[in-house]
Amino acid sequence: MKIHMLAQKTGLTPPTIRYYEKEGLLDKRHVERMDNNYRNYTEEAVEHLRLIKKVQAAGFTLGDIKAIMKEKGELSRVVELLQEKMKEMDCRKKELEQTQELLARMIAHKLALLEKKGTKT
């Protein structure tokens, strides 16, 4: 598929896709160069780019992603990095749960005020 179709399927822009390719995040499994120098992307590229978006949203940098996907360096360092990110995600999850509890209390308080106001009129 052409880059514009890939962009549409992944929600990424063509320049971003080209940048990821330049950085080595897309390889021969994901893109072929045609005789006219156009790129032809595979369906596997769609899933691969969606995965990259998900792990970026979880707090991974492109450097982290490259290290994990290419298994550059020591494998033990990759495992360590993944464990660190999971701990960070657990902390963020707890913070979000605390915020959600606070919002629920605020809603309950405001509803009680509305109910009280409604009984006075």
N, C-alpha and C. Protein backbone atom coordinates (compact mmCIF):
# COMPACT_ATOMS: atom_id res chain seq x y z
N MET A 1 0.84 -1.17 0.00
CA MET A 1 0.00 0.00 0.00
C MET A 1 0.89 1.23 0.00
N LYS A 2 0.38 2.32 -0.48
CA LYS A 2 1.11 3.58 -0.54
C LYS A 2 1.10 4.25 0.83
N ILE A 3 1.97 5.21 1.01
CA ILE A 3 2.15 5.85 2.30
C ILE A 3 0.89 6.57 2.80
N HIS A 4 0.12 7.14 1.89
CA HIS A 4 -1.09 7.85 2.32
C HIS A 4 -2.13 6.89 2.88
N MET A 5 -2.23 5.71 2.31
CA MET A 5 -3.14 4.70 2.84
C MET A 5 -2.65 4.23 4.21
N LEU A 6 -1.35 4.03 4.34
CA LEU A 6 -0.76 3.63 5.63
C LEU A 6 -1.01 4.71 6.67
N ALA A 7 -0.85 5.95 6.29
CA ALA A 7 -1.09 7.07 7.20
C ALA A 7 -2.54 7.07 7.66
N GLN A 8 -3.44 6.84 6.73
CA GLN A 8 -4.86 6.82 7.05
C GLN A 8 -5.18 5.68 8.03
N LYS A 9 -4.60 4.52 7.80
CA LYS A 9 -4.88 3.36 8.65
C LYS A 9 -4.27 3.47 10.04
N THR A 10 -3.17 4.22 10.16
CA THR A 10 -2.47 4.29 11.45
C THR A 10 -2.71 5.59 12.21
N GLY A 11 -3.19 6.61 11.51
CA GLY A 11 -3.37 7.91 12.16
C GLY A 11 -2.07 8.70 12.25
N LEU A 12 -1.02 8.24 11.60
CA LEU A 12 0.25 8.95 11.56
C LEU A 12 0.34 9.75 10.26
N THR A 13 1.19 10.75 10.25
CA THR A 13 1.37 11.53 9.03
C THR A 13 2.44 10.86 8.16
N PRO A 14 2.41 11.07 6.85
CA PRO A 14 3.47 10.53 5.99
C PRO A 14 4.88 10.93 6.44
N PRO A 15 5.11 12.21 6.83
CA PRO A 15 6.46 12.55 7.29
C PRO A 15 6.89 11.75 8.54
N THR A 16 5.96 11.49 9.42
CA THR A 16 6.27 10.69 10.61
C THR A 16 6.64 9.27 10.21
N ILE A 17 5.89 8.71 9.30
CA ILE A 17 6.18 7.35 8.83
C ILE A 17 7.55 7.29 8.17
N ARG A 18 7.86 8.29 7.36
CA ARG A 18 9.18 8.34 6.72
C ARG A 18 10.29 8.47 7.77
N TYR A 19 10.04 9.28 8.80
CA TYR A 19 11.01 9.45 9.87
C TYR A 19 11.25 8.13 10.60
N TYR A 20 10.17 7.43 10.92
CA TYR A 20 10.31 6.13 11.60
C TYR A 20 11.11 5.16 10.74
N GLU A 21 10.86 5.19 9.44
CA GLU A 21 11.62 4.32 8.53
C GLU A 21 13.09 4.71 8.55
N LYS A 22 13.36 6.01 8.47
CA LYS A 22 14.74 6.50 8.49
C LYS A 22 15.45 6.10 9.78
N GLU A 23 14.72 6.11 10.90
CA GLU A 23 15.28 5.77 12.20
C GLU A 23 15.42 4.25 12.42
N GLY A 24 14.97 3.48 11.44
CA GLY A 24 15.12 2.03 11.54
C GLY A 24 14.00 1.31 12.26
N LEU A 25 12.88 2.01 12.49
CA LEU A 25 11.74 1.37 13.15
C LEU A 25 10.89 0.56 12.19
N LEU A 26 11.08 0.77 10.91
CA LEU A 26 10.44 -0.04 9.88
C LEU A 26 11.55 -0.69 9.07
N ASP A 27 11.40 -1.98 8.81
CA ASP A 27 12.44 -2.68 8.05
C ASP A 27 11.85 -3.38 6.83
N LYS A 28 12.59 -4.32 6.27
CA LYS A 28 12.17 -5.01 5.03
C LYS A 28 10.85 -5.75 5.17
N ARG A 29 10.49 -6.14 6.40
CA ARG A 29 9.20 -6.79 6.60
C ARG A 29 8.05 -5.81 6.39
N HIS A 30 8.33 -4.52 6.54
CA HIS A 30 7.29 -3.51 6.54
C HIS A 30 7.22 -2.66 5.28
N VAL A 31 8.35 -2.54 4.57
CA VAL A 31 8.37 -1.65 3.41
C VAL A 31 9.31 -2.20 2.34
N GLU A 32 8.84 -2.09 1.10
CA GLU A 32 9.66 -2.47 -0.05
C GLU A 32 9.84 -1.22 -0.91
N ARG A 33 11.02 -1.08 -1.50
CA ARG A 33 11.25 0.00 -2.45
C ARG A 33 10.98 -0.55 -3.84
N MET A 34 10.14 0.13 -4.58
CA MET A 34 9.81 -0.28 -5.93
C MET A 34 10.87 0.27 -6.89
N ASP A 35 10.84 -0.16 -8.14
CA ASP A 35 11.80 0.29 -9.15
C ASP A 35 11.76 1.81 -9.33
N ASN A 36 10.59 2.39 -9.18
CA ASN A 36 10.45 3.85 -9.34
C ASN A 36 10.78 4.59 -8.04
N ASN A 37 11.32 3.89 -7.06
CA ASN A 37 11.74 4.40 -5.75
C ASN A 37 10.57 4.71 -4.83
N TYR A 38 9.34 4.35 -5.25
CA TYR A 38 8.19 4.50 -4.35
C TYR A 38 8.27 3.41 -3.30
N ARG A 39 7.68 3.71 -2.15
CA ARG A 39 7.62 2.72 -1.08
C ARG A 39 6.30 1.96 -1.17
N ASN A 40 6.35 0.68 -0.92
CA ASN A 40 5.15 -0.14 -0.84
C ASN A 40 5.14 -0.76 0.56
N TYR A 41 4.15 -0.39 1.37
CA TYR A 41 4.08 -0.84 2.75
C TYR A 41 3.18 -2.07 2.87
N THR A 42 3.55 -2.96 3.77
CA THR A 42 2.79 -4.19 3.99
C THR A 42 1.74 -3.97 5.08
N GLU A 43 0.83 -4.92 5.19
CA GLU A 43 -0.16 -4.88 6.26
C GLU A 43 0.52 -5.00 7.63
N GLU A 44 1.65 -5.70 7.66
CA GLU A 44 2.40 -5.83 8.91
C GLU A 44 2.87 -4.46 9.40
N ALA A 45 3.12 -3.55 8.47
CA ALA A 45 3.54 -2.19 8.84
C ALA A 45 2.45 -1.48 9.62
N VAL A 46 1.19 -1.73 9.26
CA VAL A 46 0.07 -1.10 9.96
C VAL A 46 0.10 -1.50 11.43
N GLU A 47 0.17 -2.78 11.70
CA GLU A 47 0.18 -3.27 13.08
C GLU A 47 1.43 -2.82 13.82
N HIS A 48 2.55 -2.81 13.14
CA HIS A 48 3.81 -2.39 13.75
C HIS A 48 3.75 -0.92 14.17
N LEU A 49 3.23 -0.06 13.31
CA LEU A 49 3.13 1.36 13.64
C LEU A 49 2.11 1.61 14.74
N ARG A 50 1.03 0.85 14.75
CA ARG A 50 0.05 0.98 15.84
C ARG A 50 0.69 0.59 17.18
N LEU A 51 1.51 -0.45 17.16
CA LEU A 51 2.23 -0.86 18.36
C LEU A 51 3.16 0.25 18.83
N ILE A 52 3.88 0.85 17.91
CA ILE A 52 4.78 1.96 18.26
C ILE A 52 3.99 3.09 18.92
N LYS A 53 2.83 3.45 18.34
CA LYS A 53 2.00 4.50 18.93
C LYS A 53 1.56 4.14 20.34
N LYS A 54 1.20 2.89 20.56
CA LYS A 54 0.73 2.46 21.89
C LYS A 54 1.85 2.55 22.92
N VAL A 55 3.03 2.07 22.57
CA VAL A 55 4.11 2.10 23.56
C VAL A 55 4.62 3.52 23.77
N GLN A 56 4.52 4.38 22.76
CA GLN A 56 4.86 5.79 22.97
C GLN A 56 3.86 6.41 23.95
N ALA A 57 2.59 6.10 23.78
CA ALA A 57 1.57 6.63 24.68
C ALA A 57 1.80 6.15 26.12
N ALA A 58 2.45 5.01 26.26
CA ALA A 58 2.74 4.46 27.59
C ALA A 58 4.00 5.09 28.19
N GLY A 59 4.67 5.97 27.44
CA GLY A 59 5.81 6.67 27.98
C GLY A 59 7.17 6.27 27.43
N PHE A 60 7.18 5.40 26.43
CA PHE A 60 8.45 4.99 25.83
C PHE A 60 8.92 6.05 24.84
N THR A 61 10.21 6.29 24.81
CA THR A 61 10.80 7.17 23.81
C THR A 61 11.10 6.34 22.56
N LEU A 62 11.38 7.03 21.46
CA LEU A 62 11.76 6.29 20.25
C LEU A 62 13.05 5.52 20.48
N GLY A 63 13.96 6.06 21.27
CA GLY A 63 15.19 5.33 21.61
C GLY A 63 14.90 4.06 22.37
N ASP A 64 13.96 4.14 23.33
CA ASP A 64 13.55 2.94 24.08
C ASP A 64 12.97 1.90 23.12
N ILE A 65 12.11 2.37 22.23
CA ILE A 65 11.43 1.46 21.30
C ILE A 65 12.45 0.78 20.39
N LYS A 66 13.39 1.57 19.88
CA LYS A 66 14.42 0.99 19.01
C LYS A 66 15.23 -0.06 19.76
N ALA A 67 15.60 0.24 21.00
CA ALA A 67 16.39 -0.70 21.78
C ALA A 67 15.62 -1.99 22.03
N ILE A 68 14.34 -1.87 22.30
CA ILE A 68 13.52 -3.05 22.58
C ILE A 68 13.28 -3.86 21.31
N MET A 69 12.91 -3.18 20.24
CA MET A 69 12.57 -3.89 19.01
C MET A 69 13.79 -4.49 18.33
N LYS A 70 14.90 -3.83 18.43
CA LYS A 70 16.11 -4.34 17.80
C LYS A 70 16.92 -5.20 18.77
N GLU A 71 16.51 -5.18 20.03
CA GLU A 71 17.25 -5.87 21.09
C GLU A 71 18.72 -5.48 21.06
N LYS A 72 18.93 -4.16 20.84
CA LYS A 72 20.30 -3.66 20.86
C LYS A 72 20.83 -3.76 22.29
N GLY A 73 22.11 -3.93 22.41
CA GLY A 73 22.71 -3.99 23.74
C GLY A 73 22.39 -5.30 24.42
N GLU A 74 22.53 -5.27 25.71
CA GLU A 74 22.30 -6.48 26.50
C GLU A 74 20.81 -6.74 26.65
N LEU A 75 20.44 -7.98 26.52
CA LEU A 75 19.05 -8.36 26.69
C LEU A 75 18.57 -8.05 28.09
N SER A 76 19.45 -8.18 29.07
CA SER A 76 19.08 -7.89 30.46
C SER A 76 18.71 -6.41 30.61
N ARG A 77 19.35 -5.53 29.85
CA ARG A 77 19.01 -4.10 29.90
C ARG A 77 17.63 -3.86 29.30
N VAL A 78 17.28 -4.59 28.27
CA VAL A 78 15.95 -4.47 27.68
C VAL A 78 14.89 -4.89 28.69
N VAL A 79 15.14 -6.00 29.38
CA VAL A 79 14.20 -6.48 30.40
C VAL A 79 14.07 -5.44 31.51
N GLU A 80 15.19 -4.87 31.92
CA GLU A 80 15.20 -3.85 32.96
C GLU A 80 14.39 -2.64 32.55
N LEU A 81 14.55 -2.21 31.31
CA LEU A 81 13.81 -1.07 30.78
C LEU A 81 12.31 -1.35 30.79
N LEU A 82 11.93 -2.53 30.35
CA LEU A 82 10.51 -2.90 30.34
C LEU A 82 9.94 -2.92 31.75
N GLN A 83 10.70 -3.44 32.69
CA GLN A 83 10.25 -3.48 34.08
C GLN A 83 10.09 -2.07 34.65
N GLU A 84 11.03 -1.18 34.32
CA GLU A 84 10.94 0.21 34.78
C GLU A 84 9.67 0.87 34.24
N LYS A 85 9.40 0.66 32.97
CA LYS A 85 8.22 1.27 32.35
C LYS A 85 6.93 0.72 32.98
N MET A 86 6.93 -0.56 33.31
CA MET A 86 5.74 -1.14 33.96
C MET A 86 5.52 -0.51 35.33
N LYS A 87 6.59 -0.26 36.07
CA LYS A 87 6.48 0.40 37.38
C LYS A 87 5.94 1.81 37.22
N GLU A 88 6.45 2.53 36.22
CA GLU A 88 5.97 3.89 35.96
C GLU A 88 4.48 3.87 35.62
N MET A 89 4.07 2.89 34.82
CA MET A 89 2.65 2.78 34.44
C MET A 89 1.80 2.47 35.66
N ASP A 90 2.30 1.63 36.57
CA ASP A 90 1.57 1.34 37.81
C ASP A 90 1.38 2.60 38.64
N CYS A 91 2.42 3.43 38.73
CA CYS A 91 2.32 4.70 39.47
C CYS A 91 1.29 5.62 38.83
N ARG A 92 1.35 5.74 37.52
CA ARG A 92 0.38 6.60 36.82
C ARG A 92 -1.04 6.07 37.00
N LYS A 93 -1.18 4.75 36.98
CA LYS A 93 -2.49 4.13 37.16
C LYS A 93 -3.04 4.47 38.55
N LYS A 94 -2.20 4.38 39.58
CA LYS A 94 -2.63 4.72 40.94
C LYS A 94 -3.02 6.19 41.04
N GLU A 95 -2.23 7.06 40.40
CA GLU A 95 -2.55 8.48 40.41
C GLU A 95 -3.90 8.74 39.74
N LEU A 96 -4.16 8.07 38.64
CA LEU A 96 -5.43 8.24 37.94
C LEU A 96 -6.60 7.72 38.78
N GLU A 97 -6.39 6.60 39.46
CA GLU A 97 -7.43 6.06 40.33
C GLU A 97 -7.74 7.02 41.47
N GLN A 98 -6.70 7.64 42.05
CA GLN A 98 -6.91 8.62 43.12
C GLN A 98 -7.67 9.83 42.60
N THR A 99 -7.33 10.28 41.42
CA THR A 99 -8.02 11.42 40.82
C THR A 99 -9.47 11.06 40.53
N GLN A 100 -9.70 9.85 40.06
CA GLN A 100 -11.06 9.40 39.78
C GLN A 100 -11.89 9.36 41.07
N GLU A 101 -11.29 8.91 42.16
CA GLU A 101 -11.99 8.89 43.45
C GLU A 101 -12.34 10.30 43.90
N LEU A 102 -11.40 11.22 43.73
CA LEU A 102 -11.64 12.62 44.09
C LEU A 102 -12.79 13.18 43.26
N LEU A 103 -12.79 12.93 41.97
CA LEU A 103 -13.87 13.41 41.11
C LEU A 103 -15.22 12.82 41.51
N ALA A 104 -15.23 11.55 41.88
CA ALA A 104 -16.48 10.91 42.31
C ALA A 104 -17.01 11.58 43.57
N ARG A 105 -16.12 11.93 44.51
CA ARG A 105 -16.55 12.62 45.74
C ARG A 105 -17.07 14.02 45.40
N MET A 106 -16.42 14.70 44.48
CA MET A 106 -16.86 16.03 44.07
C MET A 106 -18.25 15.97 43.43
N ILE A 107 -18.44 14.96 42.59
CA ILE A 107 -19.75 14.79 41.94
C ILE A 107 -20.82 14.52 42.99
N ALA A 108 -20.52 13.63 43.91
CA ALA A 108 -21.50 13.31 44.96
C ALA A 108 -21.84 14.55 45.77
N HIS A 109 -20.84 15.36 46.09
CA HIS A 109 -21.06 16.60 46.85
C HIS A 109 -21.94 17.56 46.06
N LYS A 110 -21.63 17.74 44.79
CA LYS A 110 -22.41 18.67 43.95
C LYS A 110 -23.84 18.18 43.76
N LEU A 111 -24.01 16.86 43.61
CA LEU A 111 -25.37 16.31 43.48
C LEU A 111 -26.15 16.52 44.76
N ALA A 112 -25.48 16.37 45.90
CA ALA A 112 -26.16 16.60 47.19
C ALA A 112 -26.57 18.06 47.31
N LEU A 113 -25.73 18.97 46.86
CA LEU A 113 -26.09 20.40 46.89
C LEU A 113 -27.28 20.68 45.98
N LEU A 114 -27.26 20.06 44.79
CA LEU A 114 -28.39 20.24 43.87
C LEU A 114 -29.68 19.71 44.47
N GLU A 115 -29.60 18.55 45.10
CA GLU A 115 -30.78 17.94 45.71
C GLU A 115 -31.28 18.80 46.84
N LYS A 116 -30.38 19.31 47.64
CA LYS A 116 -30.75 20.17 48.76
C LYS A 116 -31.38 21.46 48.24
N LYS A 117 -30.82 22.02 47.19
CA LYS A 117 -31.34 23.25 46.59
C LYS A 117 -32.73 23.00 46.00
N GLY A 118 -32.93 21.82 45.43
CA GLY A 118 -34.21 21.48 44.83
C GLY A 118 -35.31 21.31 45.85
N THR A 119 -34.98 20.89 47.05
CA THR A 119 -35.99 20.71 48.09
C THR A 119 -36.37 22.01 48.75
N LYS A 120 -35.54 23.06 48.62
CA LYS A 120 -35.83 24.37 49.23
C LYS A 120 -36.81 25.19 48.40
N THR A 121 -36.92 24.89 47.11
CA THR A 121 -37.80 25.72 46.28
C THR A 121 -39.18 25.20 46.19
